């Protein structure tokens, strides 16, 4: 496993209480199957039964797997069934957005046990944001499920490109007030667990791949449309990050070279047309043409714009159609280059559902090769506003299932009988 995106490590490289690498593969198999016997493990993993028994004896003290009784038999002794304990530990997933923070606490099956969300001026207030993250994490841990189970680790989604080789470094172009530092070492130290970091669109894609529309899909793209716009790409079943971890910055594709100046210094980037502030500004520009609109003279947030569009407001629908057209141009180019079988649109605008997706599909259809569009589906995410935070928790779950040293030692008193 690559530990480069662990901000706080604290891992023992040589620990007699931890299974061997082969046992990690068996543990992952049990997690995937949920319930399975030793004989089935031997067949699926191509191992001898004696080796499987030895590995299981190493795994059982971790309390991640328990024996739950006898299974059916076609003759001879009935097999003992092993079951993965999804509630053995919990994970915290944090989404740092441009204007809010979301924290979820999940079990080891990605189920959200509790979640907290708070609006905040993230871009301009790094210290306040760090304090808010710690506060929301404490609130989640104070819930009954948090108090009852040990914490494995913390996953964090950041709203900017990041190089996994330098997980504490943030883009000063996107988040200038943060001065290039994430600065969450104290959070990891407070909870005594490792902390992992990735880009928010990558983690939205990971959430879709494990729990959402992307399950069973090897090649897909996830487009997050919020204050900024990013894309996460799954190629061959894995998140693709590029040479330095910044693949997927679709928001900075130039749609109008003569357009508005972008935060990145270029003109007419997609985010200047489809990002949350751009859509609010566009609604304000058009309000004089729609005097009877619900938004006339008072639209100030993307949520208000979405609510009005869902209510059938003509001004809001006009803005949504323009957003679909501009977003469709960028997605068409992406599909011609990468040929994904699925494109999932998430983030704020995913709430619009078919109001966004139907016109977007039409634009993409006109601008892609026939074989590209025929092979692809374009859908709105159904994971909701917690999706990126769930992806952040999943980042750590994936890592722990690949290397069980990330799982905390479970006190003997808490182990299942």
Protein backbone atom coordinates (compact mmCIF):
# COMPACT_ATOMS: atom_id res chain seq x y z
CA UNK A 1 0.00 0.00 0.00
CA UNK A 2 1.11 3.57 -0.68
CA UNK A 3 1.13 5.57 2.56
CA UNK A 4 2.10 8.86 0.94
CA UNK A 5 -1.28 10.47 1.53
CA UNK A 6 -1.24 9.72 5.26
CA UNK A 7 -0.65 13.01 7.06
CA UNK A 8 -0.19 11.35 10.43
CA UNK A 9 1.14 7.84 10.29
CA UNK A 10 1.73 6.32 13.73
CA UNK A 11 1.74 2.82 12.22
CA UNK A 12 3.84 -0.04 13.48
CA UNK A 13 5.63 -1.68 10.59
CA UNK A 14 6.37 -4.82 12.57
CA UNK A 15 3.52 -5.91 14.81
CA UNK A 16 3.04 -9.55 15.87
CA UNK A 17 -0.63 -8.83 16.65
CA UNK A 18 -1.37 -7.98 13.04
CA UNK A 19 -2.04 -10.56 10.29
CA UNK A 20 0.42 -11.24 7.50
CA UNK A 21 -0.17 -9.64 4.06
CA UNK A 22 -1.89 -12.83 2.85
CA UNK A 23 -4.33 -12.46 5.71
CA UNK A 24 -5.23 -8.97 4.51
CA UNK A 25 -6.46 -10.51 1.25
CA UNK A 26 -8.53 -13.05 3.21
CA UNK A 27 -9.95 -10.28 5.39
CA UNK A 28 -10.97 -8.33 2.28
CA UNK A 29 -12.62 -11.47 0.88
CA UNK A 30 -14.65 -11.93 4.05
CA UNK A 31 -15.66 -8.26 3.89
CA UNK A 32 -16.79 -8.67 0.27
CA UNK A 33 -18.75 -11.87 0.94
CA UNK A 34 -20.06 -10.71 4.34
CA UNK A 35 -20.62 -14.35 5.38
CA UNK A 36 -18.40 -17.21 4.27
CA UNK A 37 -17.00 -20.51 5.59
CA UNK A 38 -13.35 -21.52 5.80
CA UNK A 39 -13.89 -24.08 3.03
CA UNK A 40 -15.34 -21.40 0.74
CA UNK A 41 -12.37 -19.13 1.48
CA UNK A 42 -9.98 -21.96 0.59
CA UNK A 43 -11.72 -22.46 -2.77
CA UNK A 44 -12.04 -18.79 -3.67
CA UNK A 45 -8.50 -17.85 -2.58
CA UNK A 46 -6.89 -21.07 -3.83
CA UNK A 47 -5.42 -21.81 -0.38
CA UNK A 48 -5.14 -24.99 1.63
CA UNK A 49 -7.61 -25.41 4.46
CA UNK A 50 -4.79 -25.53 6.99
CA UNK A 51 -3.46 -22.18 5.74
CA UNK A 52 -6.95 -20.69 5.92
CA UNK A 53 -7.41 -21.94 9.49
CA UNK A 54 -4.07 -20.41 10.48
CA UNK A 55 -5.00 -17.08 8.92
CA UNK A 56 -8.45 -17.05 10.52
CA UNK A 57 -6.87 -17.68 13.92
CA UNK A 58 -4.77 -14.56 13.34
CA UNK A 59 -7.77 -12.49 12.22
CA UNK A 60 -10.30 -13.43 14.90
CA UNK A 61 -8.57 -11.54 17.77
CA UNK A 62 -9.00 -8.31 15.79
CA UNK A 63 -12.79 -8.54 16.34
CA UNK A 64 -13.44 -7.64 12.72
CA UNK A 65 -14.66 -11.18 12.02
CA UNK A 66 -16.64 -13.54 14.23
CA UNK A 67 -17.92 -17.09 13.99
CA UNK A 68 -21.72 -16.98 13.77
CA UNK A 69 -22.76 -20.63 13.74
CA UNK A 70 -22.94 -23.55 11.38
CA UNK A 71 -23.71 -23.40 7.68
CA UNK A 72 -25.43 -25.98 5.44
CA UNK A 73 -23.60 -29.18 4.57
CA UNK A 74 -23.91 -31.62 1.69
CA UNK A 75 -22.47 -34.35 3.86
CA UNK A 76 -19.98 -34.52 6.69
CA UNK A 77 -19.39 -31.95 9.39
CA UNK A 78 -21.29 -28.67 9.03
CA UNK A 79 -18.97 -25.71 8.31
CA UNK A 80 -18.54 -22.83 10.75
CA UNK A 81 -19.63 -19.58 9.12
CA UNK A 82 -17.53 -16.43 9.51
CA UNK A 83 -19.14 -12.99 9.38
CA UNK A 84 -17.51 -9.59 8.94
CA UNK A 85 -18.53 -7.20 11.72
CA UNK A 86 -19.49 -3.97 10.00
CA UNK A 87 -19.95 -2.19 13.32
CA UNK A 88 -16.58 -3.18 14.80
CA UNK A 89 -15.15 0.30 14.12
CA UNK A 90 -16.23 3.65 12.73
CA UNK A 91 -14.66 6.12 10.28
CA UNK A 92 -14.98 9.89 10.05
CA UNK A 93 -15.30 11.45 6.60
CA UNK A 94 -14.85 15.21 6.18
CA UNK A 95 -15.81 17.33 3.19
CA UNK A 96 -14.23 20.78 3.13
CA UNK A 97 -16.21 22.74 0.56
CA UNK A 98 -15.73 26.36 -0.42
CA UNK A 99 -18.68 27.45 1.71
CA UNK A 100 -19.45 24.65 4.17
CA UNK A 101 -18.09 21.66 6.09
CA UNK A 102 -19.74 18.24 6.23
CA UNK A 103 -18.66 15.45 8.59
CA UNK A 104 -20.08 11.94 8.46
CA UNK A 105 -19.41 8.95 10.66
CA UNK A 106 -19.80 5.62 8.91
CA UNK A 107 -19.47 1.97 9.80
CA UNK A 108 -17.24 -0.41 7.84
CA UNK A 109 -19.95 -0.89 5.18
CA UNK A 110 -20.24 2.79 4.29
CA UNK A 111 -23.50 3.28 6.17
CA UNK A 112 -23.87 6.78 7.63
CA UNK A 113 -24.41 6.53 11.38
CA UNK A 114 -24.58 10.27 11.95
CA UNK A 115 -23.62 13.44 10.11
CA UNK A 116 -23.17 17.14 10.75
CA UNK A 117 -23.08 20.07 8.34
CA UNK A 118 -22.37 23.75 8.85
CA UNK A 119 -22.11 26.73 6.50
CA UNK A 120 -18.79 28.54 6.82
CA UNK A 121 -16.52 30.95 4.93
CA UNK A 122 -13.99 28.23 4.25
CA UNK A 123 -11.95 30.07 1.64
CA UNK A 124 -11.30 33.10 3.79
CA UNK A 125 -11.11 31.55 7.28
CA UNK A 126 -8.72 28.60 7.54
CA UNK A 127 -8.37 28.74 11.34
CA UNK A 128 -12.12 28.86 11.84
CA UNK A 129 -12.56 26.03 9.37
CA UNK A 130 -10.05 23.81 11.18
CA UNK A 131 -11.80 24.52 14.47
CA UNK A 132 -15.19 23.76 12.92
CA UNK A 133 -13.96 20.44 11.51
CA UNK A 134 -12.71 19.41 14.96
CA UNK A 135 -16.00 20.51 16.55
CA UNK A 136 -18.15 18.52 14.11
CA UNK A 137 -15.91 15.46 14.47
CA UNK A 138 -16.29 15.64 18.26
CA UNK A 139 -20.05 15.93 17.90
CA UNK A 140 -20.16 12.83 15.73
CA UNK A 141 -17.96 10.89 18.15
CA UNK A 142 -20.22 11.97 21.03
CA UNK A 143 -23.19 10.20 19.43
CA UNK A 144 -24.01 6.72 20.86
CA UNK A 145 -22.54 4.91 17.84
CA UNK A 146 -19.37 6.96 18.15
CA UNK A 147 -18.92 6.28 21.84
CA UNK A 148 -19.55 2.56 21.41
CA UNK A 149 -16.97 1.79 18.74
CA UNK A 150 -13.28 2.63 18.18
CA UNK A 151 -12.31 5.05 15.42
CA UNK A 152 -10.25 3.67 12.53
CA UNK A 153 -9.22 6.94 10.90
CA UNK A 154 -10.29 10.14 9.22
CA UNK A 155 -10.66 10.84 5.50
CA UNK A 156 -10.69 14.43 4.26
CA UNK A 157 -11.90 15.84 0.93
CA UNK A 158 -10.39 19.18 -0.11
CA UNK A 159 -11.84 21.57 -2.76
CA UNK A 160 -8.69 21.95 -4.80
CA UNK A 161 -6.12 19.90 -6.68
CA UNK A 162 -3.64 18.12 -4.44
CA UNK A 163 -0.58 15.98 -4.94
CA UNK A 164 -0.83 12.82 -2.77
CA UNK A 165 2.94 12.94 -2.35
CA UNK A 166 2.44 16.15 -0.32
CA UNK A 167 -0.91 15.64 1.46
CA UNK A 168 -0.66 18.72 3.67
CA UNK A 169 -0.16 21.10 0.73
CA UNK A 170 -3.11 22.97 -0.79
CA UNK A 171 -3.34 25.08 -3.91
CA UNK A 172 -2.62 28.72 -3.10
CA UNK A 173 -4.40 29.69 -6.30
CA UNK A 174 -7.71 28.17 -5.20
CA UNK A 175 -7.35 28.74 -1.42
CA UNK A 176 -4.93 31.67 -1.03
CA UNK A 177 -5.88 32.40 2.59
CA UNK A 178 -4.77 28.88 3.62
CA UNK A 179 -1.19 29.73 2.55
CA UNK A 180 -0.66 26.30 1.04
CA UNK A 181 -1.29 24.27 4.23
CA UNK A 182 -4.18 22.00 5.22
CA UNK A 183 -2.98 22.02 8.82
CA UNK A 184 -5.00 19.15 10.29
CA UNK A 185 -2.18 17.43 12.20
CA UNK A 186 -3.75 18.47 15.50
CA UNK A 187 -7.03 16.83 14.48
CA UNK A 188 -5.30 13.52 13.76
CA UNK A 189 -3.35 13.82 17.00
CA UNK A 190 -6.45 14.60 19.05
CA UNK A 191 -8.24 11.47 17.86
CA UNK A 192 -5.07 9.37 17.74
CA UNK A 193 -5.71 7.97 14.26
CA UNK A 194 -4.20 8.36 10.77
CA UNK A 195 -5.69 10.93 8.44
CA UNK A 196 -5.89 10.64 4.66
CA UNK A 197 -6.56 13.39 2.11
CA UNK A 198 -7.73 13.58 -1.49
CA UNK A 199 -9.48 15.94 -3.88
CA UNK A 200 -13.25 16.25 -3.42
CA UNK A 201 -14.20 15.19 -6.96
CA UNK A 202 -11.98 12.10 -6.68
CA UNK A 203 -13.78 11.16 -3.48
CA UNK A 204 -17.18 11.81 -5.04
CA UNK A 205 -16.16 9.34 -7.74
CA UNK A 206 -15.01 6.86 -5.09
CA UNK A 207 -18.36 7.11 -3.28
CA UNK A 208 -20.22 6.44 -6.54
CA UNK A 209 -17.90 3.53 -7.36
CA UNK A 210 -18.41 1.79 -4.01
CA UNK A 211 -21.95 2.74 -2.99
CA UNK A 212 -23.72 4.60 -5.80
CA UNK A 213 -24.46 4.52 -9.50
CA UNK A 214 -20.91 3.42 -10.33
CA UNK A 215 -21.05 0.04 -8.60
CA UNK A 216 -19.74 -2.57 -11.01
CA UNK A 217 -18.54 0.09 -13.49
CA UNK A 218 -14.87 0.02 -14.48
CA UNK A 219 -14.73 3.28 -16.45
CA UNK A 220 -16.71 6.30 -15.30
CA UNK A 221 -16.47 10.02 -14.60
CA UNK A 222 -17.93 12.01 -11.72
CA UNK A 223 -18.54 15.73 -12.22
CA UNK A 224 -18.97 17.82 -9.08
CA UNK A 225 -20.78 21.10 -9.70
CA UNK A 226 -20.68 23.40 -6.68
CA UNK A 227 -18.87 26.67 -5.99
CA UNK A 228 -16.12 25.18 -8.13
CA UNK A 229 -16.27 22.38 -10.68
CA UNK A 230 -14.11 19.27 -10.66
CA UNK A 231 -14.15 15.78 -12.07
CA UNK A 232 -13.02 12.45 -10.70
CA UNK A 233 -12.19 9.64 -13.11
CA UNK A 234 -12.34 5.89 -12.65
CA UNK A 235 -10.25 4.00 -15.20
CA UNK A 236 -10.04 0.23 -15.00
CA UNK A 237 -11.78 0.27 -11.62
CA UNK A 238 -9.33 2.68 -9.94
CA UNK A 239 -9.30 6.43 -9.34
CA UNK A 240 -7.02 8.11 -11.88
CA UNK A 241 -5.03 11.02 -10.41
CA UNK A 242 -2.51 11.80 -13.12
CA UNK A 243 1.24 12.31 -12.83
CA UNK A 244 1.07 14.79 -9.94
CA UNK A 245 -2.43 14.14 -8.58
CA UNK A 246 -4.26 17.00 -10.31
CA UNK A 247 -6.13 15.14 -13.07
CA UNK A 248 -9.76 16.14 -13.42
CA UNK A 249 -9.67 19.95 -13.24
CA UNK A 250 -12.50 20.19 -15.74
CA UNK A 251 -13.60 23.50 -14.23
CA UNK A 252 -10.65 25.20 -15.89
CA UNK A 253 -11.36 24.13 -19.43
CA UNK A 254 -11.69 27.33 -21.48
CA UNK A 255 -15.26 27.52 -22.81
CA UNK A 256 -15.10 31.21 -23.79
CA UNK A 257 -11.55 32.57 -24.32
CA UNK A 258 -12.96 36.11 -24.23
CA UNK A 259 -15.01 35.47 -21.11
CA UNK A 260 -14.67 36.52 -17.48
CA UNK A 261 -11.39 36.27 -15.65
CA UNK A 262 -11.13 33.09 -13.55
CA UNK A 263 -9.47 32.69 -10.15
CA UNK A 264 -6.78 30.65 -11.95
CA UNK A 265 -5.86 33.69 -14.07
CA UNK A 266 -7.33 32.45 -17.35
CA UNK A 267 -10.49 33.68 -19.07
CA UNK A 268 -13.78 31.94 -19.75
CA UNK A 269 -13.13 28.79 -17.70
CA UNK A 270 -16.12 26.49 -17.24
CA UNK A 271 -16.37 27.47 -13.57
CA UNK A 272 -16.93 31.13 -14.56
CA UNK A 273 -20.10 29.99 -16.34
CA UNK A 274 -21.40 27.04 -14.30
CA UNK A 275 -19.93 27.39 -10.79
CA UNK A 276 -22.36 28.36 -8.02
CA UNK A 277 -21.45 32.07 -7.83
CA UNK A 278 -21.54 32.33 -11.64
CA UNK A 279 -25.06 30.90 -11.79
CA UNK A 280 -26.29 33.24 -9.07
CA UNK A 281 -24.75 36.18 -10.93
CA UNK A 282 -26.38 35.05 -14.18
CA UNK A 283 -29.78 34.85 -12.48
CA UNK A 284 -29.32 38.40 -11.23
CA UNK A 285 -28.40 39.56 -14.75
CA UNK A 286 -31.54 37.98 -16.23
CA UNK A 287 -33.91 39.09 -13.47
CA UNK A 288 -34.93 42.24 -15.43
CA UNK A 289 -36.22 40.00 -18.23
CA UNK A 290 -38.35 37.95 -15.82
CA UNK A 291 -40.14 40.48 -13.58
CA UNK A 292 -42.65 37.85 -12.40
CA UNK A 293 -39.97 35.37 -11.38
CA UNK A 294 -39.81 34.05 -7.84
CA UNK A 295 -36.19 35.19 -7.90
CA UNK A 296 -36.68 38.71 -9.24
CA UNK A 297 -34.34 41.01 -7.36
CA UNK A 298 -33.54 38.60 -4.52
CA UNK A 299 -31.61 35.54 -5.69
CA UNK A 300 -28.48 35.21 -3.56
CA UNK A 301 -27.68 31.51 -3.21
CA UNK A 302 -27.51 28.45 -5.44
CA UNK A 303 -30.06 26.76 -3.15
CA UNK A 304 -32.63 29.48 -3.89
CA UNK A 305 -31.96 29.08 -7.59
CA UNK A 306 -32.40 25.31 -7.43
CA UNK A 307 -35.60 25.56 -5.41
CA UNK A 308 -37.05 27.98 -7.93
CA UNK A 309 -36.11 25.74 -10.88
CA UNK A 310 -37.75 22.74 -9.19
CA UNK A 311 -40.86 24.90 -8.73
CA UNK A 312 -40.92 25.63 -12.47
CA UNK A 313 -39.77 29.25 -12.30
CA UNK A 314 -38.92 30.41 -15.86
CA UNK A 315 -35.87 32.47 -14.85
CA UNK A 316 -34.37 29.60 -12.87
CA UNK A 317 -35.10 27.17 -15.70
CA UNK A 318 -33.35 29.50 -18.17
CA UNK A 319 -30.24 29.56 -15.97
CA UNK A 320 -30.37 25.76 -15.60
CA UNK A 321 -30.59 25.28 -19.37
CA UNK A 322 -27.63 27.58 -19.95
CA UNK A 323 -25.67 25.68 -17.30
CA UNK A 324 -26.54 22.39 -19.01
CA UNK A 325 -25.34 23.73 -22.35
CA UNK A 326 -21.99 24.93 -21.01
CA UNK A 327 -21.44 21.85 -18.89
CA UNK A 328 -22.43 19.65 -21.82
CA UNK A 329 -19.68 21.13 -23.99
CA UNK A 330 -17.05 20.19 -21.42
CA UNK A 331 -18.48 16.72 -20.81
CA UNK A 332 -18.62 16.05 -24.56
CA UNK A 333 -14.90 16.71 -24.82
CA UNK A 334 -14.26 14.47 -21.84
CA UNK A 335 -16.28 11.65 -23.39
CA UNK A 336 -14.47 11.92 -26.71
CA UNK A 337 -11.13 11.63 -24.92
CA UNK A 338 -11.82 9.04 -22.18
CA UNK A 339 -14.93 7.20 -23.46
CA UNK A 340 -16.41 6.40 -20.02
CA UNK A 341 -19.43 4.13 -19.80
CA UNK A 342 -21.03 6.36 -17.14
CA UNK A 343 -20.94 10.04 -16.25
CA UNK A 344 -22.42 10.97 -12.88
CA UNK A 345 -23.20 14.62 -12.12
CA UNK A 346 -23.01 15.41 -8.41
CA UNK A 347 -22.71 18.44 -6.18
CA UNK A 348 -25.28 21.20 -5.80
CA UNK A 349 -26.84 21.02 -9.28
CA UNK A 350 -27.53 17.28 -8.99
CA UNK A 351 -30.68 18.26 -7.09
CA UNK A 352 -32.20 19.41 -10.39
CA UNK A 353 -32.25 15.86 -11.72
CA UNK A 354 -33.77 15.62 -15.19
CA UNK A 355 -34.15 19.42 -15.43
CA UNK A 356 -30.37 19.49 -15.82
CA UNK A 357 -29.61 16.02 -17.19
CA UNK A 358 -32.07 15.99 -20.12
CA UNK A 359 -30.77 19.16 -21.85
CA UNK A 360 -27.20 18.21 -20.92
CA UNK A 361 -27.62 14.87 -22.71
CA UNK A 362 -28.84 16.65 -25.84
CA UNK A 363 -25.82 18.93 -25.93
CA UNK A 364 -23.45 16.02 -25.39
CA UNK A 365 -25.18 14.00 -28.08
CA UNK A 366 -24.59 16.73 -30.64
CA UNK A 367 -20.93 17.12 -29.76
CA UNK A 368 -19.62 13.56 -29.36
CA UNK A 369 -18.75 10.72 -31.64
CA UNK A 370 -21.73 8.40 -32.08
CA UNK A 371 -19.86 5.49 -30.52
CA UNK A 372 -18.94 7.58 -27.45
CA UNK A 373 -22.45 8.70 -26.57
CA UNK A 374 -24.07 5.36 -27.43
CA UNK A 375 -21.80 3.60 -24.96
CA UNK A 376 -22.35 6.08 -22.11
CA UNK A 377 -25.05 6.97 -19.62
CA UNK A 378 -25.31 10.39 -18.00
CA UNK A 379 -27.07 10.46 -14.65
CA UNK A 380 -27.52 12.68 -11.61
CA UNK A 381 -26.06 11.30 -8.40
CA UNK A 382 -28.55 9.98 -5.88
CA UNK A 383 -26.16 9.92 -2.89
CA UNK A 384 -27.24 13.40 -1.80
CA UNK A 385 -25.34 16.17 -0.02
CA UNK A 386 -23.23 13.74 2.05
CA UNK A 387 -21.73 11.97 -0.96
CA UNK A 388 -18.25 13.54 -0.92
CA UNK A 389 -17.90 13.11 2.85
CA UNK A 390 -18.94 9.46 2.41
CA UNK A 391 -16.25 9.18 -0.25
CA UNK A 392 -13.73 10.60 2.23
CA UNK A 393 -14.65 7.91 4.76
CA UNK A 394 -14.48 5.32 1.97
CA UNK A 395 -10.93 6.44 1.15
CA UNK A 396 -9.88 5.26 4.59
CA UNK A 397 -12.01 2.11 4.49
CA UNK A 398 -10.38 1.11 1.21
CA UNK A 399 -6.92 1.67 2.67
CA UNK A 400 -7.69 -0.31 5.84
CA UNK A 401 -9.05 -3.25 3.86
CA UNK A 402 -5.80 -3.27 1.89
CA UNK A 403 -3.61 -3.08 5.00
CA UNK A 404 -5.20 -4.16 8.28
CA UNK A 405 -2.50 -2.43 10.32
CA UNK A 406 -4.72 0.63 9.98
CA UNK A 407 -7.39 -1.03 12.11
CA UNK A 408 -7.02 -0.16 15.79
CA UNK A 409 -6.34 -2.85 18.39
CA UNK A 410 -9.66 -3.82 19.97
CA UNK A 411 -9.52 -4.26 23.78
CA UNK A 412 -10.20 -7.84 24.80
CA UNK A 413 -13.21 -6.75 26.85
CA UNK A 414 -14.87 -5.41 23.67
CA UNK A 415 -14.25 -8.47 21.52
CA UNK A 416 -17.17 -10.60 20.44
CA UNK A 417 -17.41 -13.99 22.07
